């Protein structure tokens, strides 16, 4: 059980301070997660805190390689409705 951070990470430090197991570390060019320390926040939080605060969608993956902060997780707008939402915003 461990999460991973992919290359799209921008080293914003948002995840670093919220990790209860201190599993996240800076390893240029982007942060990484120590698999031996990562608990996926089980016993501390209902959801992995790194994914809940990460500003880069699809940057944090579960053990099977699926993004736990998928497209739309930041905005709450499903990807298939994003174009429509952007047009509405631009029309204002």
N, C-alpha and C. Protein backbone atom coordinates (compact mmCIF):
# COMPACT_ATOMS: atom_id res chain seq x y z
N UNK A 1 0.85 -1.17 0.00
CA UNK A 1 0.00 0.00 0.00
C UNK A 1 0.89 1.23 0.00
N UNK A 2 0.83 1.98 -1.06
CA UNK A 2 1.56 3.24 -1.13
C UNK A 2 1.10 4.02 -2.34
N UNK A 3 1.14 5.31 -2.19
CA UNK A 3 0.81 6.22 -3.28
C UNK A 3 2.10 6.64 -3.95
N UNK A 4 1.99 7.25 -5.13
CA UNK A 4 3.16 7.78 -5.81
C UNK A 4 2.82 9.11 -6.45
N UNK A 5 3.85 9.91 -6.65
CA UNK A 5 3.70 11.22 -7.28
C UNK A 5 4.40 11.16 -8.63
N UNK A 6 3.73 11.63 -9.67
CA UNK A 6 4.29 11.55 -11.03
C UNK A 6 5.01 12.84 -11.42
N UNK A 7 5.61 12.80 -12.59
CA UNK A 7 6.45 13.90 -13.09
C UNK A 7 5.73 15.24 -13.24
N UNK A 8 4.41 15.24 -13.30
CA UNK A 8 3.71 16.51 -13.46
C UNK A 8 3.71 17.35 -12.18
N UNK A 9 4.20 16.79 -11.08
CA UNK A 9 4.33 17.52 -9.82
C UNK A 9 5.18 18.77 -10.04
N UNK A 10 4.76 19.89 -9.45
CA UNK A 10 5.47 21.15 -9.62
C UNK A 10 6.20 21.60 -8.34
N UNK A 11 6.36 20.68 -7.39
CA UNK A 11 7.04 20.98 -6.14
C UNK A 11 6.47 22.20 -5.42
N UNK A 12 5.16 22.24 -5.28
CA UNK A 12 4.53 23.40 -4.63
C UNK A 12 4.55 23.29 -3.10
N UNK A 13 4.91 22.15 -2.57
CA UNK A 13 5.01 21.87 -1.14
C UNK A 13 3.65 21.71 -0.46
N UNK A 14 2.55 21.75 -1.16
CA UNK A 14 1.23 21.64 -0.53
C UNK A 14 1.08 20.30 0.18
N UNK A 15 1.51 19.23 -0.44
CA UNK A 15 1.33 17.89 0.14
C UNK A 15 2.29 17.60 1.29
N UNK A 16 3.42 18.20 1.26
CA UNK A 16 4.48 17.90 2.21
C UNK A 16 4.02 18.06 3.67
N UNK A 17 3.42 19.17 3.97
CA UNK A 17 3.03 19.46 5.35
C UNK A 17 1.78 18.72 5.82
N UNK A 18 0.97 18.21 4.92
CA UNK A 18 -0.26 17.53 5.34
C UNK A 18 -0.10 16.02 5.48
N UNK A 19 1.03 15.47 5.15
CA UNK A 19 1.24 14.03 5.22
C UNK A 19 1.46 13.62 6.68
N UNK A 20 0.51 12.86 7.25
CA UNK A 20 0.64 12.49 8.66
C UNK A 20 1.76 11.47 8.94
N UNK A 21 2.20 10.74 7.92
CA UNK A 21 3.25 9.75 8.13
C UNK A 21 4.63 10.25 7.68
N UNK A 22 4.69 11.51 7.26
CA UNK A 22 5.94 12.12 6.79
C UNK A 22 6.61 11.28 5.70
N UNK A 23 5.79 10.77 4.79
CA UNK A 23 6.29 9.91 3.72
C UNK A 23 6.72 10.68 2.48
N UNK A 24 6.36 11.95 2.40
CA UNK A 24 6.67 12.75 1.20
C UNK A 24 8.01 13.45 1.38
N UNK A 25 8.83 13.36 0.35
CA UNK A 25 10.14 14.02 0.41
C UNK A 25 10.46 14.66 -0.93
N UNK A 26 11.34 15.66 -0.88
CA UNK A 26 11.74 16.40 -2.08
C UNK A 26 12.87 15.64 -2.75
N UNK A 27 12.64 15.26 -3.99
CA UNK A 27 13.64 14.56 -4.77
C UNK A 27 13.59 15.15 -6.17
N UNK A 28 14.39 16.15 -6.40
CA UNK A 28 14.34 16.88 -7.66
C UNK A 28 14.24 15.93 -8.84
N UNK A 29 13.44 16.17 -9.82
CA UNK A 29 12.72 17.41 -10.10
C UNK A 29 11.34 17.51 -9.45
N UNK A 30 10.88 16.46 -8.75
CA UNK A 30 9.56 16.55 -8.12
C UNK A 30 9.54 15.74 -6.84
N UNK A 31 8.52 15.96 -6.04
CA UNK A 31 8.38 15.21 -4.80
C UNK A 31 8.13 13.74 -5.07
N UNK A 32 8.46 12.92 -4.09
CA UNK A 32 8.21 11.49 -4.16
C UNK A 32 7.62 11.05 -2.83
N UNK A 33 7.10 9.82 -2.82
CA UNK A 33 6.52 9.26 -1.61
C UNK A 33 7.29 8.00 -1.24
N UNK A 34 7.75 7.94 0.00
CA UNK A 34 8.44 6.78 0.51
C UNK A 34 7.40 5.68 0.75
N UNK A 35 7.45 4.63 -0.04
CA UNK A 35 6.45 3.56 0.02
C UNK A 35 6.43 2.86 1.37
N UNK A 36 7.55 2.81 2.04
CA UNK A 36 7.61 2.15 3.36
C UNK A 36 6.91 2.97 4.44
N UNK A 37 6.83 4.27 4.25
CA UNK A 37 6.20 5.13 5.25
C UNK A 37 4.75 5.45 4.93
N UNK A 38 4.38 5.42 3.66
CA UNK A 38 3.03 5.83 3.24
C UNK A 38 1.96 4.86 3.75
N UNK A 39 0.98 5.40 4.43
CA UNK A 39 -0.15 4.61 4.94
C UNK A 39 -1.44 4.94 4.20
N UNK A 40 -1.33 5.81 3.19
CA UNK A 40 -2.49 6.33 2.47
C UNK A 40 -3.46 6.99 3.45
N UNK A 41 -2.92 7.46 4.55
CA UNK A 41 -3.64 8.18 5.61
C UNK A 41 -4.63 7.31 6.39
N UNK A 42 -4.56 6.00 6.18
CA UNK A 42 -5.46 5.11 6.94
C UNK A 42 -5.19 5.26 8.43
N UNK A 43 -6.26 5.41 9.18
CA UNK A 43 -6.16 5.59 10.62
C UNK A 43 -6.03 7.05 11.02
N UNK A 44 -5.76 7.92 10.05
CA UNK A 44 -5.64 9.35 10.33
C UNK A 44 -6.75 10.16 9.67
N UNK A 45 -7.02 9.85 8.40
CA UNK A 45 -8.02 10.60 7.63
C UNK A 45 -8.80 9.64 6.73
N UNK A 46 -9.97 10.06 6.32
CA UNK A 46 -10.80 9.24 5.43
C UNK A 46 -10.21 9.16 4.02
N UNK A 47 -9.54 10.23 3.59
CA UNK A 47 -8.96 10.30 2.25
C UNK A 47 -7.49 10.69 2.36
N UNK A 48 -6.65 10.24 1.41
CA UNK A 48 -5.25 10.67 1.40
C UNK A 48 -5.16 12.20 1.31
N UNK A 49 -4.48 12.77 2.27
CA UNK A 49 -4.40 14.23 2.33
C UNK A 49 -3.60 14.84 1.19
N UNK A 50 -2.58 14.14 0.72
CA UNK A 50 -1.78 14.69 -0.38
C UNK A 50 -2.64 14.92 -1.62
N UNK A 51 -3.50 13.96 -1.92
CA UNK A 51 -4.37 14.08 -3.10
C UNK A 51 -5.44 15.13 -2.89
N UNK A 52 -5.89 15.30 -1.66
CA UNK A 52 -6.96 16.26 -1.41
C UNK A 52 -6.49 17.70 -1.55
N UNK A 53 -5.19 17.94 -1.43
CA UNK A 53 -4.68 19.31 -1.51
C UNK A 53 -3.86 19.58 -2.77
N UNK A 54 -3.49 18.55 -3.49
CA UNK A 54 -2.63 18.70 -4.67
C UNK A 54 -3.30 19.57 -5.75
N UNK A 55 -2.61 20.62 -6.21
CA UNK A 55 -3.19 21.49 -7.24
C UNK A 55 -3.02 20.97 -8.67
N UNK A 56 -2.37 19.82 -8.83
CA UNK A 56 -2.15 19.24 -10.15
C UNK A 56 -2.96 17.96 -10.27
N UNK A 57 -4.04 18.02 -11.03
CA UNK A 57 -4.87 16.84 -11.21
C UNK A 57 -4.07 15.72 -11.87
N UNK A 58 -4.32 14.51 -11.43
CA UNK A 58 -3.67 13.28 -11.90
C UNK A 58 -2.20 13.18 -11.53
N UNK A 59 -1.76 13.91 -10.53
CA UNK A 59 -0.35 13.87 -10.13
C UNK A 59 -0.08 12.81 -9.07
N UNK A 60 -1.12 12.32 -8.40
CA UNK A 60 -0.94 11.34 -7.35
C UNK A 60 -1.70 10.06 -7.70
N UNK A 61 -0.95 8.97 -7.72
CA UNK A 61 -1.51 7.68 -8.15
C UNK A 61 -1.57 6.70 -6.99
N UNK A 62 -2.54 5.80 -7.05
CA UNK A 62 -2.60 4.72 -6.06
C UNK A 62 -1.67 3.60 -6.51
N UNK A 63 -1.62 2.53 -5.76
CA UNK A 63 -0.69 1.43 -6.05
C UNK A 63 -0.93 0.78 -7.41
N UNK A 64 -2.16 0.87 -7.92
CA UNK A 64 -2.45 0.28 -9.24
C UNK A 64 -2.23 1.26 -10.39
N UNK A 65 -1.77 2.48 -10.08
CA UNK A 65 -1.48 3.47 -11.11
C UNK A 65 -2.65 4.34 -11.51
N UNK A 66 -3.73 4.31 -10.74
CA UNK A 66 -4.91 5.14 -11.02
C UNK A 66 -4.80 6.45 -10.24
N UNK A 67 -5.08 7.55 -10.92
CA UNK A 67 -5.02 8.86 -10.27
C UNK A 67 -6.10 8.97 -9.19
N UNK A 68 -5.69 9.35 -7.98
CA UNK A 68 -6.67 9.53 -6.92
C UNK A 68 -7.11 10.98 -6.81
N UNK A 69 -6.54 11.82 -7.66
CA UNK A 69 -7.03 13.19 -7.82
C UNK A 69 -7.26 13.41 -9.32
N UNK A 70 -8.32 12.78 -9.84
CA UNK A 70 -8.57 12.77 -11.28
C UNK A 70 -9.03 14.12 -11.83
N UNK A 71 -9.10 14.23 -13.15
CA UNK A 71 -9.61 15.47 -13.76
C UNK A 71 -10.97 15.83 -13.18
N UNK A 72 -11.13 17.08 -12.83
CA UNK A 72 -12.37 17.56 -12.24
C UNK A 72 -12.34 17.58 -10.73
N UNK A 73 -11.33 16.96 -10.12
CA UNK A 73 -11.28 16.90 -8.66
C UNK A 73 -11.01 18.26 -8.03
N UNK A 74 -10.36 19.15 -8.74
CA UNK A 74 -10.10 20.49 -8.20
C UNK A 74 -11.30 21.42 -8.37
N UNK A 75 -11.93 21.35 -9.51
CA UNK A 75 -13.01 22.27 -9.82
C UNK A 75 -14.38 21.72 -9.50
N UNK A 76 -14.48 20.42 -9.42
CA UNK A 76 -15.79 19.80 -9.24
C UNK A 76 -16.56 19.71 -10.54
N UNK A 77 -15.92 20.10 -11.63
CA UNK A 77 -16.55 20.06 -12.95
C UNK A 77 -16.07 18.80 -13.67
N UNK A 78 -16.97 17.91 -14.03
CA UNK A 78 -16.56 16.70 -14.76
C UNK A 78 -15.88 17.08 -16.07
N UNK A 79 -14.84 16.36 -16.46
CA UNK A 79 -14.10 16.69 -17.68
C UNK A 79 -14.98 16.87 -18.91
N UNK A 80 -16.03 16.06 -19.02
CA UNK A 80 -16.89 16.16 -20.20
C UNK A 80 -17.72 17.45 -20.22
N UNK A 81 -17.79 18.16 -19.11
CA UNK A 81 -18.53 19.42 -19.04
C UNK A 81 -17.62 20.64 -18.97
N UNK A 82 -16.30 20.41 -18.96
CA UNK A 82 -15.35 21.51 -18.80
C UNK A 82 -15.43 22.53 -19.94
N UNK A 83 -15.51 22.08 -21.19
CA UNK A 83 -15.58 23.01 -22.31
C UNK A 83 -16.80 23.91 -22.19
N UNK A 84 -17.92 23.32 -21.83
CA UNK A 84 -19.15 24.09 -21.67
C UNK A 84 -19.01 25.11 -20.52
N UNK A 85 -18.40 24.70 -19.43
CA UNK A 85 -18.21 25.61 -18.29
C UNK A 85 -17.28 26.76 -18.67
N UNK A 86 -16.23 26.48 -19.41
CA UNK A 86 -15.29 27.53 -19.83
C UNK A 86 -15.97 28.53 -20.76
N UNK A 87 -16.81 28.04 -21.67
CA UNK A 87 -17.53 28.94 -22.56
C UNK A 87 -18.46 29.85 -21.77
N UNK A 88 -19.11 29.32 -20.77
CA UNK A 88 -20.00 30.10 -19.93
C UNK A 88 -19.23 31.18 -19.17
N UNK A 89 -18.08 30.82 -18.65
CA UNK A 89 -17.26 31.79 -17.91
C UNK A 89 -16.77 32.88 -18.84
N UNK A 90 -16.31 32.52 -20.03
CA UNK A 90 -15.79 33.49 -20.99
C UNK A 90 -16.88 34.43 -21.50
N UNK A 91 -18.11 33.98 -21.51
CA UNK A 91 -19.22 34.80 -22.01
C UNK A 91 -19.62 35.89 -21.01
N UNK A 92 -19.17 35.81 -19.80
CA UNK A 92 -19.55 36.80 -18.78
C UNK A 92 -18.94 38.13 -18.99
